[in-house]
Structures are given as structure tokens and as C-alpha cells.
N, C-alpha and C. Protein backbone atom coordinates (compact mmCIF):
# COMPACT_ATOMS: atom_id res chain seq x y z
N MET A 1 17.55 24.10 2.25
CA MET A 1 18.22 22.90 1.93
C MET A 1 18.46 23.33 0.47
N LYS A 2 19.48 22.21 0.29
CA LYS A 2 19.92 21.48 -1.44
C LYS A 2 19.19 21.78 -2.29
N ASP A 3 19.92 22.31 -3.17
CA ASP A 3 18.81 22.28 -4.85
C ASP A 3 18.73 20.68 -5.10
N ILE A 4 19.38 20.16 -5.31
CA ILE A 4 19.51 19.06 -5.49
C ILE A 4 18.39 18.08 -5.02
N ARG A 5 18.39 18.51 -3.10
CA ARG A 5 17.86 17.31 -1.94
C ARG A 5 16.36 17.90 -2.97
N LEU A 6 15.77 19.25 -3.17
CA LEU A 6 14.54 20.17 -3.31
C LEU A 6 13.89 19.59 -4.38
N LYS A 7 14.81 19.34 -5.62
CA LYS A 7 14.28 19.14 -7.07
C LYS A 7 14.14 17.32 -6.82
N LEU A 8 15.00 16.43 -6.24
CA LEU A 8 14.75 15.69 -6.12
C LEU A 8 13.12 14.90 -5.55
N LEU A 9 12.80 16.18 -4.44
CA LEU A 9 11.74 15.94 -3.58
C LEU A 9 10.35 16.30 -4.56
N SER A 10 10.94 17.08 -5.46
CA SER A 10 9.87 17.69 -6.17
C SER A 10 9.16 16.78 -7.08
N GLU A 11 10.39 16.18 -7.44
CA GLU A 11 10.56 15.16 -8.45
C GLU A 11 9.59 14.19 -8.42
N LEU A 12 9.79 13.21 -7.05
CA LEU A 12 9.26 12.59 -6.31
C LEU A 12 7.16 12.69 -5.89
N MET A 13 7.11 14.25 -5.23
CA MET A 13 5.57 14.18 -5.40
C MET A 13 5.42 14.49 -6.88
N LYS A 14 5.90 14.60 -7.65
CA LYS A 14 4.84 14.89 -9.05
C LYS A 14 4.32 13.38 -9.87
N ASN A 15 5.91 12.18 -9.00
CA ASN A 15 5.68 11.03 -9.30
C ASN A 15 6.71 9.66 -8.75
N SER A 16 6.42 9.40 -7.50
CA SER A 16 6.83 8.60 -6.64
C SER A 16 7.71 7.21 -7.06
N LYS A 17 6.97 7.03 -8.24
CA LYS A 17 6.66 5.81 -8.96
C LYS A 17 8.14 5.96 -10.38
N THR A 18 8.66 6.90 -10.15
CA THR A 18 10.24 7.27 -10.81
C THR A 18 11.46 6.78 -10.36
N SER A 19 11.44 5.87 -11.03
CA SER A 19 13.05 5.28 -11.10
C SER A 19 14.23 6.12 -10.36
N ASP A 20 15.46 5.30 -9.49
CA ASP A 20 16.34 6.40 -9.24
C ASP A 20 17.29 6.65 -10.21
N ARG A 21 17.05 5.94 -11.77
CA ARG A 21 17.41 5.95 -12.98
C ARG A 21 17.06 6.87 -12.89
N GLU A 22 16.27 6.85 -13.42
CA GLU A 22 15.30 8.06 -14.38
C GLU A 22 15.56 9.16 -13.94
N LEU A 23 15.66 9.36 -12.18
CA LEU A 23 15.67 10.71 -11.71
C LEU A 23 16.76 10.68 -11.59
N ALA A 24 18.10 10.63 -12.21
CA ALA A 24 19.32 11.08 -12.21
C ALA A 24 19.44 11.36 -13.58
N VAL A 25 18.50 11.07 -14.58
CA VAL A 25 18.95 11.72 -15.60
C VAL A 25 18.28 12.96 -15.74
N ARG A 26 17.02 12.97 -14.92
CA ARG A 26 16.22 14.59 -14.97
C ARG A 26 16.91 15.08 -14.15
N LEU A 27 17.59 15.10 -13.13
CA LEU A 27 18.71 15.95 -12.39
C LEU A 27 19.73 15.49 -12.50
N GLY A 28 20.24 14.84 -13.36
CA GLY A 28 21.81 15.56 -14.59
C GLY A 28 22.94 14.83 -13.24
N VAL A 29 23.24 14.15 -12.15
CA VAL A 29 23.31 13.64 -11.34
C VAL A 29 23.71 11.81 -11.46
N SER A 30 24.13 11.45 -10.88
CA SER A 30 24.33 9.30 -10.75
C SER A 30 23.43 9.63 -10.20
N GLN A 31 22.79 7.90 -10.36
CA GLN A 31 21.63 7.16 -9.78
C GLN A 31 22.35 6.74 -8.25
N PRO A 32 23.45 6.70 -8.14
CA PRO A 32 24.00 6.34 -6.86
C PRO A 32 23.73 7.81 -5.85
N THR A 33 23.80 8.26 -6.41
CA THR A 33 23.59 9.45 -5.96
C THR A 33 22.45 9.72 -5.11
N ILE A 34 21.23 9.57 -6.41
CA ILE A 34 20.18 10.19 -6.41
C ILE A 34 19.10 8.94 -5.01
N SER A 35 19.76 7.54 -4.86
CA SER A 35 19.46 6.70 -4.01
C SER A 35 20.02 7.27 -2.77
N ARG A 36 20.91 7.14 -2.47
CA ARG A 36 22.03 8.13 -0.97
C ARG A 36 20.72 9.14 -0.79
N ILE A 37 21.17 10.63 -1.81
CA ILE A 37 19.93 11.47 -1.33
C ILE A 37 18.18 10.94 -0.68
N ARG A 38 17.76 9.98 -1.61
CA ARG A 38 16.94 9.24 -1.08
C ARG A 38 16.62 9.14 0.14
N ALA A 39 17.42 7.70 0.47
CA ALA A 39 17.35 7.58 1.96
C ALA A 39 18.03 8.36 2.93
N LYS A 40 18.99 9.70 2.51
CA LYS A 40 19.24 10.51 4.04
C LYS A 40 17.25 10.88 4.03
N LEU A 41 16.57 11.39 2.61
CA LEU A 41 15.23 12.06 3.05
C LEU A 41 14.56 10.84 3.37
N GLU A 42 14.21 10.14 3.50
CA GLU A 42 13.66 9.10 3.95
C GLU A 42 13.92 9.39 5.65
N LYS A 43 15.54 9.06 5.86
CA LYS A 43 15.49 9.00 7.50
C LYS A 43 15.20 10.30 7.99
N GLU A 44 15.49 10.89 7.33
CA GLU A 44 15.38 12.76 8.44
C GLU A 44 13.61 12.87 8.46
N GLY A 45 13.32 11.79 7.60
CA GLY A 45 11.43 12.51 7.47
C GLY A 45 10.61 13.27 6.73
N LEU A 46 11.71 13.40 5.78
CA LEU A 46 10.97 14.82 4.54
C LEU A 46 10.05 13.66 3.25
N ILE A 47 10.58 12.14 3.45
CA ILE A 47 9.41 11.36 3.01
C ILE A 47 8.80 10.65 3.68
N LYS A 48 8.00 10.67 4.04
CA LYS A 48 6.55 9.53 5.17
C LYS A 48 6.44 9.02 4.93
N GLU A 49 5.91 8.69 3.27
CA GLU A 49 5.26 7.61 2.73
C GLU A 49 5.02 7.70 1.32
N TYR A 50 5.34 6.70 0.42
CA TYR A 50 5.19 7.14 -1.39
C TYR A 50 3.50 6.08 -1.19
N THR A 51 3.19 7.20 -2.74
CA THR A 51 1.84 7.07 -2.62
C THR A 51 1.18 7.15 -3.19
N MET A 52 0.11 7.47 -4.67
CA MET A 52 -0.90 7.66 -5.47
C MET A 52 -2.05 7.86 -4.98
N ILE A 53 -2.52 9.32 -5.76
CA ILE A 53 -3.87 9.49 -5.40
C ILE A 53 -4.61 9.50 -6.75
N PRO A 54 -5.88 8.56 -6.56
CA PRO A 54 -6.98 7.88 -7.26
C PRO A 54 -7.98 8.58 -8.22
N ASP A 55 -8.36 8.48 -8.21
CA ASP A 55 -9.73 9.18 -9.16
C ASP A 55 -11.19 8.53 -8.44
N PHE A 56 -10.82 9.63 -6.82
CA PHE A 56 -11.98 9.18 -6.02
C PHE A 56 -12.83 9.07 -6.34
N ARG A 57 -13.66 9.93 -7.19
CA ARG A 57 -14.81 9.02 -8.10
C ARG A 57 -15.17 8.15 -8.91
N LYS A 58 -13.93 7.55 -9.60
CA LYS A 58 -14.27 6.06 -10.12
C LYS A 58 -14.37 5.31 -9.14
N LEU A 59 -13.99 5.69 -7.75
CA LEU A 59 -13.90 4.09 -6.39
C LEU A 59 -14.95 4.56 -5.96
N GLY A 60 -15.83 5.42 -6.38
CA GLY A 60 -17.58 5.17 -6.15
C GLY A 60 -17.63 6.92 -4.74
N PHE A 61 -16.82 7.08 -4.41
CA PHE A 61 -17.60 8.73 -4.02
C PHE A 61 -17.48 9.53 -4.28
N GLU A 62 -18.76 9.77 -4.24
CA GLU A 62 -19.65 10.91 -5.02
C GLU A 62 -19.12 12.61 -4.22
N ILE A 63 -18.22 12.55 -2.71
CA ILE A 63 -18.59 14.10 -2.40
C ILE A 63 -17.21 13.85 -1.50
N MET A 64 -17.02 14.90 -1.62
CA MET A 64 -15.27 15.47 -0.28
C MET A 64 -15.77 16.32 0.68
N THR A 65 -15.80 16.19 2.10
CA THR A 65 -16.18 17.96 2.49
C THR A 65 -15.13 17.58 3.15
N VAL A 66 -15.44 18.67 3.47
CA VAL A 66 -13.93 19.58 4.82
C VAL A 66 -14.46 20.06 6.02
N THR A 67 -15.18 19.78 6.97
CA THR A 67 -15.77 19.49 8.18
C THR A 67 -15.06 20.51 9.39
N LEU A 68 -15.13 21.72 9.43
CA LEU A 68 -14.74 22.25 10.54
C LEU A 68 -15.70 21.84 12.23
N LEU A 69 -15.05 21.75 12.81
CA LEU A 69 -15.73 21.39 14.33
C LEU A 69 -15.17 22.06 15.50
N LYS A 70 -16.05 23.02 16.29
CA LYS A 70 -15.53 23.95 17.56
C LYS A 70 -15.91 22.70 18.78
N LEU A 71 -15.33 22.79 19.78
CA LEU A 71 -15.50 22.07 21.09
C LEU A 71 -15.73 22.54 22.18
N LYS A 72 -17.33 22.61 22.64
CA LYS A 72 -17.80 23.54 23.46
C LYS A 72 -16.20 23.77 25.07
N ARG A 73 -15.52 22.32 24.99
CA ARG A 73 -14.07 22.98 25.84
C ARG A 73 -12.71 21.80 25.30
N GLU A 74 -11.60 22.24 25.82
CA GLU A 74 -10.65 21.59 25.15
C GLU A 74 -10.47 20.11 25.50
N LEU A 75 -10.18 19.09 24.90
CA LEU A 75 -9.47 17.91 25.59
C LEU A 75 -8.80 17.70 26.53
N THR A 76 -8.00 17.02 27.27
CA THR A 76 -6.68 16.53 27.76
C THR A 76 -6.25 15.95 27.15
N GLU A 77 -5.09 16.13 27.30
CA GLU A 77 -3.88 15.28 26.80
C GLU A 77 -4.42 13.61 26.63
N GLU A 78 -4.74 12.62 28.53
CA GLU A 78 -5.46 11.97 28.34
C GLU A 78 -7.13 11.70 27.35
N GLU A 79 -8.02 12.78 26.94
CA GLU A 79 -9.04 13.09 26.82
C GLU A 79 -8.38 12.57 25.33
N ILE A 80 -7.76 12.77 24.96
CA ILE A 80 -6.97 12.77 22.88
C ILE A 80 -7.07 11.50 22.90
N GLN A 81 -6.31 11.16 23.95
CA GLN A 81 -5.71 10.13 23.65
C GLN A 81 -7.24 8.36 23.61
N LYS A 82 -7.65 8.91 24.26
CA LYS A 82 -8.59 7.96 23.82
C LYS A 82 -9.98 7.93 23.36
N MET A 83 -10.02 9.59 22.74
CA MET A 83 -9.94 9.52 21.32
C MET A 83 -10.26 9.22 20.68
N TRP A 84 -8.82 8.64 20.79
CA TRP A 84 -7.88 8.96 18.84
C TRP A 84 -8.29 6.82 19.17
N LYS A 85 -7.72 6.58 20.31
CA LYS A 85 -7.62 4.76 20.65
C LYS A 85 -9.77 4.60 19.82
N PHE A 86 -10.17 5.10 20.61
CA PHE A 86 -11.49 5.13 20.12
C PHE A 86 -12.20 4.80 18.37
N THR A 87 -11.16 5.91 17.37
CA THR A 87 -11.86 6.25 16.57
C THR A 87 -10.97 5.02 16.51
N ASP A 88 -9.61 4.73 16.32
CA ASP A 88 -9.00 3.34 15.39
C ASP A 88 -9.68 2.50 15.96
N GLU A 89 -10.24 1.94 16.66
CA GLU A 89 -10.87 1.02 16.81
C GLU A 89 -12.34 0.83 15.95
N TYR A 90 -13.30 2.11 15.95
CA TYR A 90 -14.39 2.56 15.55
C TYR A 90 -13.95 2.12 13.70
N ILE A 91 -12.99 2.01 13.49
CA ILE A 91 -12.87 2.50 12.35
C ILE A 91 -12.54 1.44 12.02
N LYS A 92 -11.32 0.02 12.53
CA LYS A 92 -11.39 -0.62 12.55
C LYS A 92 -12.47 -1.67 12.20
N LYS A 93 -13.35 -1.51 13.17
CA LYS A 93 -14.88 -2.23 13.09
C LYS A 93 -15.04 -2.57 12.46
N ARG A 94 -16.03 -0.98 12.13
CA ARG A 94 -16.86 -0.86 11.14
C ARG A 94 -16.48 -0.73 10.31
N ASN A 95 -15.50 0.41 9.61
CA ASN A 95 -14.90 0.72 8.42
C ASN A 95 -15.93 1.77 7.72
N PRO A 96 -16.45 2.63 8.10
CA PRO A 96 -17.88 3.22 7.74
C PRO A 96 -17.34 4.68 7.31
N PHE A 97 -15.68 5.52 7.38
CA PHE A 97 -15.49 6.47 6.33
C PHE A 97 -13.74 6.37 5.93
N ALA A 98 -14.07 6.86 5.07
CA ALA A 98 -13.24 7.41 4.45
C ALA A 98 -11.97 9.13 4.41
N PHE A 99 -11.57 9.03 5.91
CA PHE A 99 -10.54 10.25 6.31
C PHE A 99 -9.17 10.23 4.99
N LEU A 100 -9.43 11.54 4.79
CA LEU A 100 -7.63 12.09 4.09
C LEU A 100 -7.03 12.64 4.95
N MET A 101 -8.01 13.32 6.54
CA MET A 101 -6.85 13.90 7.21
C MET A 101 -8.02 14.46 8.36
N ALA A 102 -7.77 14.16 9.77
CA ALA A 102 -8.39 15.09 10.85
C ALA A 102 -6.76 15.16 11.93
N ALA A 103 -7.83 15.84 12.26
CA ALA A 103 -6.03 17.16 12.67
C ALA A 103 -6.53 18.55 13.77
N GLY A 104 -6.80 18.39 15.18
CA GLY A 104 -6.12 19.98 15.06
C GLY A 104 -5.51 21.20 15.45
N GLY A 105 -6.32 22.66 15.24
CA GLY A 105 -5.50 23.80 14.91
C GLY A 105 -6.05 24.33 15.57
N HIS A 106 -6.05 25.47 14.39
CA HIS A 106 -7.57 26.94 15.10
C HIS A 106 -7.42 27.53 13.66
N GLY A 107 -8.51 28.23 13.34
CA GLY A 107 -8.84 29.11 12.28
C GLY A 107 -10.64 29.54 12.93
N LEU A 108 -11.18 30.65 12.31
CA LEU A 108 -12.75 30.65 11.74
C LEU A 108 -13.72 30.41 13.44
N GLY A 109 -12.83 30.83 14.31
CA GLY A 109 -12.97 29.90 15.52
C GLY A 109 -13.63 28.45 15.71
N TYR A 110 -12.09 27.81 15.16
CA TYR A 110 -13.00 26.47 15.06
C TYR A 110 -11.75 25.72 16.23
N SER A 111 -11.62 24.50 16.13
CA SER A 111 -10.56 24.12 16.42
C SER A 111 -9.78 22.75 16.28
N ARG A 112 -10.94 22.00 14.80
CA ARG A 112 -10.71 20.74 14.36
C ARG A 112 -11.04 20.60 13.19
N VAL A 113 -9.95 20.24 12.14
CA VAL A 113 -10.62 19.77 10.96
C VAL A 113 -10.82 18.29 10.36
N ILE A 114 -11.81 17.97 9.91
CA ILE A 114 -11.82 16.81 9.25
C ILE A 114 -11.78 16.47 7.36
N ILE A 115 -11.28 16.19 6.90
CA ILE A 115 -11.62 15.88 5.50
C ILE A 115 -12.02 14.42 5.32
N SER A 116 -12.96 14.73 4.24
CA SER A 116 -13.47 12.63 4.13
C SER A 116 -14.00 12.84 2.74
N LEU A 117 -14.05 11.61 2.76
CA LEU A 117 -14.87 10.93 0.74
C LEU A 117 -16.13 10.23 1.24
N HIS A 118 -16.83 10.47 0.96
CA HIS A 118 -18.28 9.98 0.33
C HIS A 118 -19.55 9.19 -0.44
N ARG A 119 -19.77 8.66 -0.36
CA ARG A 119 -20.36 7.29 -1.65
C ARG A 119 -21.22 8.31 -1.96
N ASP A 120 -22.12 9.15 -0.90
CA ASP A 120 -23.34 10.10 -1.67
C ASP A 120 -23.88 10.74 0.01
N TYR A 121 -24.55 11.22 -0.38
CA TYR A 121 -25.65 12.31 1.08
C TYR A 121 -26.17 11.55 2.62
N ALA A 122 -26.11 10.44 2.01
CA ALA A 122 -26.92 9.45 3.12
C ALA A 122 -25.12 8.48 4.08
N ASP A 123 -24.38 8.44 3.31
CA ASP A 123 -23.11 7.60 3.68
C ASP A 123 -22.70 9.21 4.39
N PHE A 124 -22.42 11.13 3.69
CA PHE A 124 -21.96 12.00 4.54
C PHE A 124 -22.82 12.52 6.13
N MET A 125 -24.23 12.04 6.27
CA MET A 125 -24.99 12.05 6.82
C MET A 125 -24.55 10.75 8.02
N ARG A 126 -24.20 10.08 8.18
CA ARG A 126 -23.60 8.94 8.76
C ARG A 126 -22.52 9.72 9.63
N PHE A 127 -21.96 10.03 9.03
CA PHE A 127 -21.03 10.48 9.48
C PHE A 127 -21.05 11.75 10.33
N VAL A 128 -21.78 12.61 9.99
CA VAL A 128 -22.64 13.50 11.07
C VAL A 128 -22.56 12.41 12.24
N ARG A 129 -23.52 11.75 12.23
CA ARG A 129 -24.34 11.40 13.51
C ARG A 129 -22.97 10.85 14.54
N ALA A 130 -22.16 10.02 14.20
CA ALA A 130 -21.35 9.04 14.49
C ALA A 130 -20.23 10.23 15.13
N THR A 131 -20.17 11.19 14.18
CA THR A 131 -18.82 12.01 14.76
C THR A 131 -19.90 13.21 15.83
N ARG A 132 -21.13 13.21 15.72
CA ARG A 132 -21.42 13.93 17.07
C ARG A 132 -21.79 13.07 17.77
N ASP A 133 -22.06 12.38 17.75
CA ASP A 133 -22.31 10.80 18.96
C ASP A 133 -20.53 10.05 19.09
N ALA A 134 -19.84 10.92 19.26
CA ALA A 134 -18.61 9.93 19.34
C ALA A 134 -18.47 10.86 21.00
N PRO A 135 -17.78 9.62 22.34
CA PRO A 135 -17.99 9.99 23.38
C PRO A 135 -15.94 11.15 23.34
N LEU A 136 -17.13 11.86 24.52
CA LEU A 136 -15.46 12.75 25.02
C LEU A 136 -16.11 13.89 23.95
N VAL A 137 -16.30 14.84 23.24
CA VAL A 137 -16.78 15.31 21.84
C VAL A 137 -17.76 16.21 22.78
N ASP A 138 -17.61 17.13 22.77
CA ASP A 138 -19.33 18.01 23.30
C ASP A 138 -18.64 19.54 22.71
N LEU A 139 -19.52 19.19 21.23
CA LEU A 139 -19.72 19.80 20.22
C LEU A 139 -20.33 21.24 20.47
N GLY A 140 -19.53 22.10 20.27
CA GLY A 140 -20.16 23.89 19.90
C GLY A 140 -20.36 24.25 19.12
N ALA A 141 -20.09 23.63 17.98
CA ALA A 141 -19.99 24.27 16.64
C ALA A 141 -20.20 23.24 15.65
N PHE A 142 -20.65 22.57 14.31
CA PHE A 142 -20.30 21.96 12.86
C PHE A 142 -20.64 22.24 11.63
N ASP A 143 -19.67 22.48 10.46
CA ASP A 143 -19.94 23.08 10.00
C ASP A 143 -19.02 22.07 8.74
N SER A 144 -19.63 22.40 7.23
CA SER A 144 -18.83 20.97 6.41
C SER A 144 -19.26 21.66 4.87
N PHE A 145 -18.79 21.76 4.56
CA PHE A 145 -18.84 22.47 3.18
C PHE A 145 -18.50 21.16 2.17
N MET A 146 -18.97 21.21 1.19
CA MET A 146 -19.39 19.62 0.44
C MET A 146 -18.62 20.08 -1.32
N ILE A 147 -17.36 18.63 -1.58
CA ILE A 147 -17.05 19.11 -2.65
C ILE A 147 -17.69 17.81 -4.30
N SER A 148 -18.69 18.31 -4.27
CA SER A 148 -19.11 17.22 -5.53
C SER A 148 -17.65 16.74 -6.36
N LEU A 149 -18.05 15.55 -6.47
CA LEU A 149 -16.95 14.96 -7.15
C LEU A 149 -16.91 14.82 -8.43
N SER A 150 -18.02 14.25 -8.81
CA SER A 150 -18.28 14.19 -10.34
C SER A 150 -18.58 15.74 -10.84
N GLU A 151 -18.21 16.87 -10.53
CA GLU A 151 -17.89 18.29 -11.47
C GLU A 151 -16.44 18.63 -11.89
N LYS A 152 -16.64 19.10 -12.86
CA LYS A 152 -15.38 19.38 -12.59
C LYS A 152 -14.55 20.71 -11.88
N HIS A 153 -13.56 20.50 -12.08
CA HIS A 153 -12.72 21.30 -10.86
C HIS A 153 -11.50 22.51 -11.07
N TYR A 154 -11.59 23.15 -10.75
CA TYR A 154 -10.37 24.42 -11.77
C TYR A 154 -9.10 22.84 -11.70
N GLN A 155 -8.60 22.95 -10.49
CA GLN A 155 -7.73 22.27 -9.93
C GLN A 155 -8.15 20.87 -9.52
N PRO A 156 -7.36 19.85 -9.63
CA PRO A 156 -8.35 19.19 -9.00
C PRO A 156 -7.26 18.59 -7.36
N PHE A 157 -6.95 17.35 -6.85
CA PHE A 157 -6.55 17.53 -5.72
C PHE A 157 -5.18 16.82 -6.17
N THR A 158 -3.97 16.93 -6.48
CA THR A 158 -2.52 16.22 -6.71
C THR A 158 -1.28 17.24 -5.60
N PHE A 159 -0.53 16.94 -5.70
CA PHE A 159 1.06 16.92 -5.06
C PHE A 159 1.66 18.28 -6.19
N SER A 160 1.42 17.83 -7.17
CA SER A 160 2.27 18.21 -8.66
C SER A 160 2.41 19.98 -8.06
N LEU A 161 1.31 20.45 -7.66
CA LEU A 161 1.39 22.35 -7.89
C LEU A 161 2.31 22.91 -6.51
N VAL A 162 2.25 21.83 -5.59
CA VAL A 162 3.11 21.90 -4.29
C VAL A 162 4.82 21.61 -5.06
N ALA A 163 4.80 20.59 -5.91
CA ALA A 163 6.26 20.45 -6.02
C ALA A 163 6.57 21.43 -7.20
N ASN A 164 6.01 22.03 -7.50
CA ASN A 164 6.43 23.13 -8.53
C ASN A 164 6.61 24.59 -7.44
N TYR A 165 5.63 25.09 -6.75
CA TYR A 165 5.77 25.67 -5.93
C TYR A 165 7.31 25.93 -5.59
N LEU A 166 7.60 24.53 -5.03
CA LEU A 166 8.87 24.57 -4.28
C LEU A 166 9.55 25.06 -4.89
N LEU A 167 10.03 24.30 -5.84
CA LEU A 167 11.05 24.78 -6.89
C LEU A 167 11.02 26.40 -7.50
N THR A 168 9.87 27.08 -8.03
CA THR A 168 9.48 28.26 -7.84
C THR A 168 10.40 28.58 -6.94
N MET A 169 9.21 29.12 -5.60
CA MET A 169 10.58 29.57 -4.78
C MET A 169 12.19 29.56 -3.98
N LYS A 170 12.39 28.19 -4.61
CA LYS A 170 13.85 27.97 -4.76
C LYS A 170 14.36 29.05 -5.72
N GLU A 171 13.70 29.23 -6.29
CA GLU A 171 14.86 30.29 -7.69
C GLU A 171 14.26 31.99 -7.02
N LYS A 172 13.90 32.22 -6.52
CA LYS A 172 13.43 33.40 -6.00
C LYS A 172 13.73 34.34 -4.90
N THR A 173 13.95 32.99 -3.85
CA THR A 173 14.82 32.64 -3.11
C THR A 173 16.23 33.19 -2.44
N PRO A 174 17.17 34.20 -2.28
CA PRO A 174 19.18 34.05 -2.87
C PRO A 174 19.22 33.86 -1.65
N SER A 175 20.10 32.99 -2.50
CA SER A 175 20.86 32.28 -1.86
C SER A 175 21.74 32.31 -0.34
């Protein structure tokens, strides 16, 4: 990836509100160059969305969980589509849980991961029951790691570290 593109992505990951004019000053190029590169990164799908990361605790969440699931059998593509549809409808109708991510993968004997936010332990337990009762899901294992959002953390959730990492890796990679 060209150096200017990587630097632009890094700056946007740190603060997506930064204007093209300010980015141009920081990166030492013209504002039209920044606008053109940004548009191209969006078109290529390297920029998926612009967002901010709130203080989840101040929004009323006490717990963030990383939940690992193991299914007794893998779902077919058709069953996965039905499950996604069910989940979307469930969330739209009841809006019960705040998900940061739900994905398939492999590791530690698990095949699914859900990262979610909960107002309290009772809210988390409703999430556990709803997940276990979901249609088509025959769970072999269900384990969660709970993170208290009220405790001080070594590194809070942010994309700034990833942005800095990308720039560091670029400096270490021979051209």
C-alpha cells in the first residue's frame, strides 16, 4: 500500500472527524489529493464506515463479554441464512442486546464468537438464555469472559493502537 494511503488510513482510524484540509496539512499534501485518495479508499472498501467509540460505561453498560460457542454440528449455508434472519428480526422487534461483533471462526475448540455489551449481570443472563434457545443452534459449549467496564483498563477499546501499528509496520517493512 502506498505510504500516503496508509498514513491517511491511520489518521482516519485515530479520528474520522478530521477534515480533509487538516489531513492535508498533517500529511503534507494538497486537500484535493486527500479527498481523491479518501474517495478511492471508500470505493475499494478499505474504509467501511466512519464511526466513533463512545464511553460504553457512561451509556449504562457495566459489562462487555467475549462469548465463545461450539456447535454440536456445523450449520448449512441455508441454516446460517435462517439464523441471521432470525437474529435480525429478534433484535429489531425486541432490541434486547448490544452486539459489537458476531462471527464464525476457529480456535480453542470453538466455532463462533460474540462480543456484546450488557447493562448488568441480569441482562447478560437474558443474553445467555436467548442464545441457548435460538432455533437451529445445538450448542456443544458456551463460555464467556466478562469485562467490567467500571474498572480501570490497561488499554481501552480504540483503533488508535491499530493505526499506530500500521505505521510502525510500514517503517519496518523493506520497500
